[in-house]
Amino acid sequence: MAFSRKPAKSAKFNPDDISFKNPELLKRFLTPEGKLLPGRRTGLTAKLQRKLTREVKRARAVGYLYFRNQDA
């Protein structure tokens, strides 16, 4: 069974903007609990999904993003 790829939720951004210094953009790819959304849900290519994962981990390490949202 093949998944149909939905258009990216945030197709209105430049892939070069994916950076740990841009937490507002990164939050668009997280669930309310703080988990990363899967690539089939975000619509990103595999390369961009890997970059997103790397940058979210960096943002968490320096404190720009939370590791886990306790409120959700």
PDB file of N, CA and C in Angstrom:
ATOM      1  N   MET A   1       0.849  -1.173   0.000  1.00  0.00           N
ATOM      2  CA  MET A   1       0.000   0.000   0.000  1.00  0.00           C
ATOM      3  C   MET A   1       0.895   1.238   0.000  1.00  0.00           C
ATOM      4  N   ALA A   2       0.701   2.064  -0.968  1.00  0.00           N
ATOM      5  CA  ALA A   2       1.517   3.281  -1.083  1.00  0.00           C
ATOM      6  C   ALA A   2       0.794   4.437  -0.401  1.00  0.00           C
ATOM      7  N   PHE A   3       1.588   5.238   0.268  1.00  0.00           N
ATOM      8  CA  PHE A   3       1.032   6.428   0.888  1.00  0.00           C
ATOM      9  C   PHE A   3       0.974   7.531  -0.147  1.00  0.00           C
ATOM     10  N   SER A   4      -0.113   8.275  -0.143  1.00  0.00           N
ATOM     11  CA  SER A   4      -0.161   9.435  -1.020  1.00  0.00           C
ATOM     12  C   SER A   4       0.463  10.607  -0.274  1.00  0.00           C
ATOM     13  N   ARG A   5       1.417  11.227  -0.894  1.00  0.00           N
ATOM     14  CA  ARG A   5       2.141  12.317  -0.246  1.00  0.00           C
ATOM     15  C   ARG A   5       1.316  13.590  -0.351  1.00  0.00           C
ATOM     16  N   LYS A   6       1.026  14.165   0.792  1.00  0.00           N
ATOM     17  CA  LYS A   6       0.301  15.429   0.829  1.00  0.00           C
ATOM     18  C   LYS A   6       1.285  16.557   0.581  1.00  0.00           C
ATOM     19  N   PRO A   7       0.819  17.661   0.069  1.00  0.00           N
ATOM     20  CA  PRO A   7       1.732  18.799  -0.074  1.00  0.00           C
ATOM     21  C   PRO A   7       2.226  19.242   1.297  1.00  0.00           C
ATOM     22  N   ALA A   8       3.410  19.765   1.326  1.00  0.00           N
ATOM     23  CA  ALA A   8       4.008  20.182   2.593  1.00  0.00           C
ATOM     24  C   ALA A   8       3.096  21.169   3.306  1.00  0.00           C
ATOM     25  N   LYS A   9       2.964  20.965   4.621  1.00  0.00           N
ATOM     26  CA  LYS A   9       2.134  21.878   5.413  1.00  0.00           C
ATOM     27  C   LYS A   9       2.637  23.301   5.303  1.00  0.00           C
ATOM     28  N   SER A  10       3.919  23.416   5.250  1.00  0.00           N
ATOM     29  CA  SER A  10       4.501  24.755   5.223  1.00  0.00           C
ATOM     30  C   SER A  10       5.323  24.917   3.957  1.00  0.00           C
ATOM     31  N   ALA A  11       4.637  24.789   2.828  1.00  0.00           N
ATOM     32  CA  ALA A  11       5.329  24.878   1.549  1.00  0.00           C
ATOM     33  C   ALA A  11       5.789  26.304   1.262  1.00  0.00           C
ATOM     34  N   LYS A  12       5.406  27.237   2.100  1.00  0.00           N
ATOM     35  CA  LYS A  12       5.747  28.640   1.863  1.00  0.00           C
ATOM     36  C   LYS A  12       7.005  29.052   2.611  1.00  0.00           C
ATOM     37  N   PHE A  13       7.982  28.160   2.684  1.00  0.00           N
ATOM     38  CA  PHE A  13       9.232  28.510   3.331  1.00  0.00           C
ATOM     39  C   PHE A  13      10.385  28.063   2.456  1.00  0.00           C
ATOM     40  N   ASN A  14      11.489  28.726   2.648  1.00  0.00           N
ATOM     41  CA  ASN A  14      12.701  28.398   1.912  1.00  0.00           C
ATOM     42  C   ASN A  14      13.414  27.293   2.678  1.00  0.00           C
ATOM     43  N   PRO A  15      13.800  26.187   2.028  1.00  0.00           N
ATOM     44  CA  PRO A  15      14.494  25.110   2.748  1.00  0.00           C
ATOM     45  C   PRO A  15      15.767  25.572   3.438  1.00  0.00           C
ATOM     46  N   ASP A  16      16.369  26.650   2.963  1.00  0.00           N
ATOM     47  CA  ASP A  16      17.559  27.174   3.619  1.00  0.00           C
ATOM     48  C   ASP A  16      17.234  27.805   4.968  1.00  0.00           C
ATOM     49  N   ASP A  17      15.943  28.072   5.227  1.00  0.00           N
ATOM     50  CA  ASP A  17      15.526  28.664   6.504  1.00  0.00           C
ATOM     51  C   ASP A  17      15.482  27.643   7.631  1.00  0.00           C
ATOM     52  N   ILE A  18      15.592  26.345   7.308  1.00  0.00           N
ATOM     53  CA  ILE A  18      15.595  25.323   8.350  1.00  0.00           C
ATOM     54  C   ILE A  18      16.909  25.435   9.101  1.00  0.00           C
ATOM     55  N   SER A  19      16.822  25.973  10.308  1.00  0.00           N
ATOM     56  CA  SER A  19      18.005  26.171  11.138  1.00  0.00           C
ATOM     57  C   SER A  19      17.581  26.112  12.593  1.00  0.00           C
ATOM     58  N   PHE A  20      18.496  25.692  13.454  1.00  0.00           N
ATOM     59  CA  PHE A  20      18.170  25.638  14.879  1.00  0.00           C
ATOM     60  C   PHE A  20      17.935  27.028  15.434  1.00  0.00           C
ATOM     61  N   LYS A  21      18.357  28.055  14.720  1.00  0.00           N
ATOM     62  CA  LYS A  21      18.164  29.430  15.168  1.00  0.00           C
ATOM     63  C   LYS A  21      16.767  29.961  14.833  1.00  0.00           C
ATOM     64  N   ASN A  22      15.959  29.147  14.174  1.00  0.00           N
ATOM     65  CA  ASN A  22      14.623  29.539  13.754  1.00  0.00           C
ATOM     66  C   ASN A  22      13.589  28.614  14.409  1.00  0.00           C
ATOM     67  N   PRO A  23      13.382  28.721  15.730  1.00  0.00           N
ATOM     68  CA  PRO A  23      12.491  27.778  16.410  1.00  0.00           C
ATOM     69  C   PRO A  23      11.030  27.892  15.993  1.00  0.00           C
ATOM     70  N   GLU A  24      10.605  29.062  15.549  1.00  0.00           N
ATOM     71  CA  GLU A  24       9.204  29.204  15.127  1.00  0.00           C
ATOM     72  C   GLU A  24       8.903  28.322  13.915  1.00  0.00           C
ATOM     73  N   LEU A  25       9.832  28.243  12.987  1.00  0.00           N
ATOM     74  CA  LEU A  25       9.655  27.370  11.829  1.00  0.00           C
ATOM     75  C   LEU A  25       9.706  25.906  12.257  1.00  0.00           C
ATOM     76  N   LEU A  26      10.617  25.564  13.128  1.00  0.00           N
ATOM     77  CA  LEU A  26      10.761  24.176  13.564  1.00  0.00           C
ATOM     78  C   LEU A  26       9.522  23.695  14.314  1.00  0.00           C
ATOM     79  N   LYS A  27       8.874  24.572  15.068  1.00  0.00           N
ATOM     80  CA  LYS A  27       7.683  24.190  15.830  1.00  0.00           C
ATOM     81  C   LYS A  27       6.542  23.756  14.923  1.00  0.00           C
ATOM     82  N   ARG A  28       6.550  24.207  13.679  1.00  0.00           N
ATOM     83  CA  ARG A  28       5.499  23.824  12.740  1.00  0.00           C
ATOM     84  C   ARG A  28       5.578  22.345  12.377  1.00  0.00           C
ATOM     85  N   PHE A  29       6.712  21.707  12.652  1.00  0.00           N
ATOM     86  CA  PHE A  29       6.905  20.306  12.310  1.00  0.00           C
ATOM     87  C   PHE A  29       6.887  19.409  13.549  1.00  0.00           C
ATOM     88  N   LEU A  30       6.404  19.929  14.673  1.00  0.00           N
ATOM     89  CA  LEU A  30       6.326  19.172  15.912  1.00  0.00           C
ATOM     90  C   LEU A  30       4.872  18.978  16.314  1.00  0.00           C
ATOM     91  N   THR A  31       4.602  17.871  17.000  1.00  0.00           N
ATOM     92  CA  THR A  31       3.276  17.647  17.563  1.00  0.00           C
ATOM     93  C   THR A  31       3.146  18.497  18.821  1.00  0.00           C
ATOM     94  N   PRO A  32       1.957  18.617  19.380  1.00  0.00           N
ATOM     95  CA  PRO A  32       1.812  19.366  20.637  1.00  0.00           C
ATOM     96  C   PRO A  32       2.644  18.774  21.780  1.00  0.00           C
ATOM     97  N   GLU A  33       2.948  17.471  21.706  1.00  0.00           N
ATOM     98  CA  GLU A  33       3.782  16.839  22.728  1.00  0.00           C
ATOM     99  C   GLU A  33       5.258  17.117  22.511  1.00  0.00           C
ATOM    100  N   GLY A  34       5.624  17.649  21.348  1.00  0.00           N
ATOM    101  CA  GLY A  34       7.015  17.952  21.062  1.00  0.00           C
ATOM    102  C   GLY A  34       7.712  16.926  20.209  1.00  0.00           C
ATOM    103  N   LYS A  35       6.963  15.949  19.676  1.00  0.00           N
ATOM    104  CA  LYS A  35       7.564  14.931  18.824  1.00  0.00           C
ATOM    105  C   LYS A  35       7.613  15.426  17.381  1.00  0.00           C
ATOM    106  N   LEU A  36       8.593  14.947  16.641  1.00  0.00           N
ATOM    107  CA  LEU A  36       8.701  15.297  15.229  1.00  0.00           C
ATOM    108  C   LEU A  36       7.621  14.587  14.423  1.00  0.00           C
ATOM    109  N   LEU A  37       7.037  15.292  13.476  1.00  0.00           N
ATOM    110  CA  LEU A  37       6.078  14.667  12.579  1.00  0.00           C
ATOM    111  C   LEU A  37       6.827  13.841  11.541  1.00  0.00           C
ATOM    112  N   PRO A  38       6.260  12.731  11.090  1.00  0.00           N
ATOM    113  CA  PRO A  38       6.932  11.913  10.083  1.00  0.00           C
ATOM    114  C   PRO A  38       6.955  12.603   8.720  1.00  0.00           C
ATOM    115  N   GLY A  39       7.884  12.180   7.897  1.00  0.00           N
ATOM    116  CA  GLY A  39       8.055  12.784   6.580  1.00  0.00           C
ATOM    117  C   GLY A  39       6.825  12.657   5.707  1.00  0.00           C
ATOM    118  N   ARG A  40       6.105  11.556   5.838  1.00  0.00           N
ATOM    119  CA  ARG A  40       4.896  11.394   5.008  1.00  0.00           C
ATOM    120  C   ARG A  40       3.815  12.382   5.413  1.00  0.00           C
ATOM    121  N   ARG A  41       3.893  12.897   6.632  1.00  0.00           N
ATOM    122  CA  ARG A  41       2.918  13.875   7.108  1.00  0.00           C
ATOM    123  C   ARG A  41       3.353  15.307   6.775  1.00  0.00           C
ATOM    124  N   THR A  42       4.666  15.567   6.830  1.00  0.00           N
ATOM    125  CA  THR A  42       5.149  16.918   6.559  1.00  0.00           C
ATOM    126  C   THR A  42       5.239  17.185   5.067  1.00  0.00           C
ATOM    127  N   GLY A  43       5.423  16.131   4.275  1.00  0.00           N
ATOM    128  CA  GLY A  43       5.553  16.318   2.839  1.00  0.00           C
ATOM    129  C   GLY A  43       6.946  16.717   2.415  1.00  0.00           C
ATOM    130  N   LEU A  44       7.912  16.687   3.335  1.00  0.00           N
ATOM    131  CA  LEU A  44       9.283  17.050   2.994  1.00  0.00           C
ATOM    132  C   LEU A  44       9.984  15.885   2.320  1.00  0.00           C
ATOM    133  N   THR A  45      11.001  16.198   1.548  1.00  0.00           N
ATOM    134  CA  THR A  45      11.813  15.154   0.948  1.00  0.00           C
ATOM    135  C   THR A  45      12.635  14.494   2.058  1.00  0.00           C
ATOM    136  N   ALA A  46      13.204  13.335   1.754  1.00  0.00           N
ATOM    137  CA  ALA A  46      13.999  12.625   2.763  1.00  0.00           C
ATOM    138  C   ALA A  46      15.186  13.469   3.209  1.00  0.00           C
ATOM    139  N   LYS A  47      15.810  14.144   2.279  1.00  0.00           N
ATOM    140  CA  LYS A  47      16.966  14.976   2.608  1.00  0.00           C
ATOM    141  C   LYS A  47      16.567  16.112   3.548  1.00  0.00           C
ATOM    142  N   LEU A  48      15.457  16.785   3.250  1.00  0.00           N
ATOM    143  CA  LEU A  48      15.005  17.881   4.108  1.00  0.00           C
ATOM    144  C   LEU A  48      14.509  17.372   5.459  1.00  0.00           C
ATOM    145  N   GLN A  49      13.917  16.175   5.477  1.00  0.00           N
ATOM    146  CA  GLN A  49      13.452  15.608   6.743  1.00  0.00           C
ATOM    147  C   GLN A  49      14.647  15.304   7.649  1.00  0.00           C
ATOM    148  N   ARG A  50      15.737  14.801   7.075  1.00  0.00           N
ATOM    149  CA  ARG A  50      16.945  14.553   7.868  1.00  0.00           C
ATOM    150  C   ARG A  50      17.526  15.859   8.401  1.00  0.00           C
ATOM    151  N   LYS A  51      17.525  16.885   7.558  1.00  0.00           N
ATOM    152  CA  LYS A  51      18.027  18.190   7.991  1.00  0.00           C
ATOM    153  C   LYS A  51      17.149  18.741   9.114  1.00  0.00           C
ATOM    154  N   LEU A  52      15.841  18.611   8.961  1.00  0.00           N
ATOM    155  CA  LEU A  52      14.910  19.074   9.992  1.00  0.00           C
ATOM    156  C   LEU A  52      15.170  18.362  11.314  1.00  0.00           C
ATOM    157  N   THR A  53      15.341  17.050  11.267  1.00  0.00           N
ATOM    158  CA  THR A  53      15.609  16.274  12.482  1.00  0.00           C
ATOM    159  C   THR A  53      16.888  16.754  13.158  1.00  0.00           C
ATOM    160  N   ARG A  54      17.928  16.947  12.371  1.00  0.00           N
ATOM    161  CA  ARG A  54      19.220  17.397  12.906  1.00  0.00           C
ATOM    162  C   ARG A  54      19.089  18.773  13.568  1.00  0.00           C
ATOM    163  N   GLU A  55      18.365  19.678  12.911  1.00  0.00           N
ATOM    164  CA  GLU A  55      18.234  21.040  13.439  1.00  0.00           C
ATOM    165  C   GLU A  55      17.342  21.089  14.679  1.00  0.00           C
ATOM    166  N   VAL A  56      16.312  20.242  14.743  1.00  0.00           N
ATOM    167  CA  VAL A  56      15.471  20.192  15.941  1.00  0.00           C
ATOM    168  C   VAL A  56      16.294  19.696  17.123  1.00  0.00           C
ATOM    169  N   LYS A  57      17.124  18.689  16.882  1.00  0.00           N
ATOM    170  CA  LYS A  57      17.978  18.179  17.959  1.00  0.00           C
ATOM    171  C   LYS A  57      18.954  19.248  18.433  1.00  0.00           C
ATOM    172  N   ARG A  58      19.503  20.016  17.518  1.00  0.00           N
ATOM    173  CA  ARG A  58      20.406  21.106  17.902  1.00  0.00           C
ATOM    174  C   ARG A  58      19.667  22.172  18.703  1.00  0.00           C
ATOM    175  N   ALA A  59      18.460  22.526  18.248  1.00  0.00           N
ATOM    176  CA  ALA A  59      17.680  23.555  18.943  1.00  0.00           C
ATOM    177  C   ALA A  59      17.316  23.103  20.353  1.00  0.00           C
ATOM    178  N   ARG A  60      17.029  21.827  20.526  1.00  0.00           N
ATOM    179  CA  ARG A  60      16.733  21.313  21.861  1.00  0.00           C
ATOM    180  C   ARG A  60      17.978  21.377  22.742  1.00  0.00           C
ATOM    181  N   ALA A  61      19.130  21.045  22.163  1.00  0.00           N
ATOM    182  CA  ALA A  61      20.374  21.008  22.944  1.00  0.00           C
ATOM    183  C   ALA A  61      20.764  22.387  23.461  1.00  0.00           C
ATOM    184  N   VAL A  62      20.536  23.428  22.664  1.00  0.00           N
ATOM    185  CA  VAL A  62      20.916  24.772  23.110  1.00  0.00           C
ATOM    186  C   VAL A  62      19.782  25.488  23.840  1.00  0.00           C
ATOM    187  N   GLY A  63      18.594  24.862  23.897  1.00  0.00           N
ATOM    188  CA  GLY A  63      17.503  25.419  24.695  1.00  0.00           C
ATOM    189  C   GLY A  63      16.492  26.249  23.939  1.00  0.00           C
ATOM    190  N   TYR A  64      16.540  26.265  22.613  1.00  0.00           N
ATOM    191  CA  TYR A  64      15.549  27.026  21.846  1.00  0.00           C
ATOM    192  C   TYR A  64      14.208  26.307  21.777  1.00  0.00           C
ATOM    193  N   LEU A  65      14.240  24.973  21.856  1.00  0.00           N
ATOM    194  CA  LEU A  65      13.016  24.172  21.836  1.00  0.00           C
ATOM    195  C   LEU A  65      12.982  23.297  23.083  1.00  0.00           C
ATOM    196  N   TYR A  66      11.784  22.947  23.488  1.00  0.00           N
ATOM    197  CA  TYR A  66      11.608  22.045  24.618  1.00  0.00           C
ATOM    198  C   TYR A  66      11.837  20.609  24.156  1.00  0.00           C
ATOM    199  N   PHE A  67      12.257  19.763  25.088  1.00  0.00           N
ATOM    200  CA  PHE A  67      12.413  18.348  24.766  1.00  0.00           C
ATOM    201  C   PHE A  67      11.058  17.658  24.741  1.00  0.00           C
ATOM    202  N   ARG A  68      10.221  18.023  25.699  1.00  0.00           N
ATOM    203  CA  ARG A  68       8.908  17.414  25.780  1.00  0.00           C
ATOM    204  C   ARG A  68       7.973  18.406  26.443  1.00  0.00           C
ATOM    205  N   ASN A  69       6.785  18.543  25.906  1.00  0.00           N
ATOM    206  CA  ASN A  69       5.807  19.466  26.471  1.00  0.00           C
ATOM    207  C   ASN A  69       5.023  18.735  27.558  1.00  0.00           C
ATOM    208  N   GLN A  70       5.136  19.188  28.772  1.00  0.00           N
ATOM    209  CA  GLN A  70       4.444  18.546  29.889  1.00  0.00           C
ATOM    210  C   GLN A  70       2.958  18.859  29.905  1.00  0.00           C
ATOM    211  N   ASP A  71       2.540  19.956  29.257  1.00  0.00           N
ATOM    212  CA  ASP A  71       1.138  20.376  29.291  1.00  0.00           C
ATOM    213  C   ASP A  71       0.249  19.541  28.394  1.00  0.00           C
ATOM    214  N   ALA A  72       0.793  18.988  27.329  1.00  0.00           N
ATOM    215  CA  ALA A  72      -0.032  18.284  26.347  1.00  0.00           C
ATOM    216  C   ALA A  72      -0.399  16.896  26.803  1.00  0.00           C
TER     217      ALA A  72
END
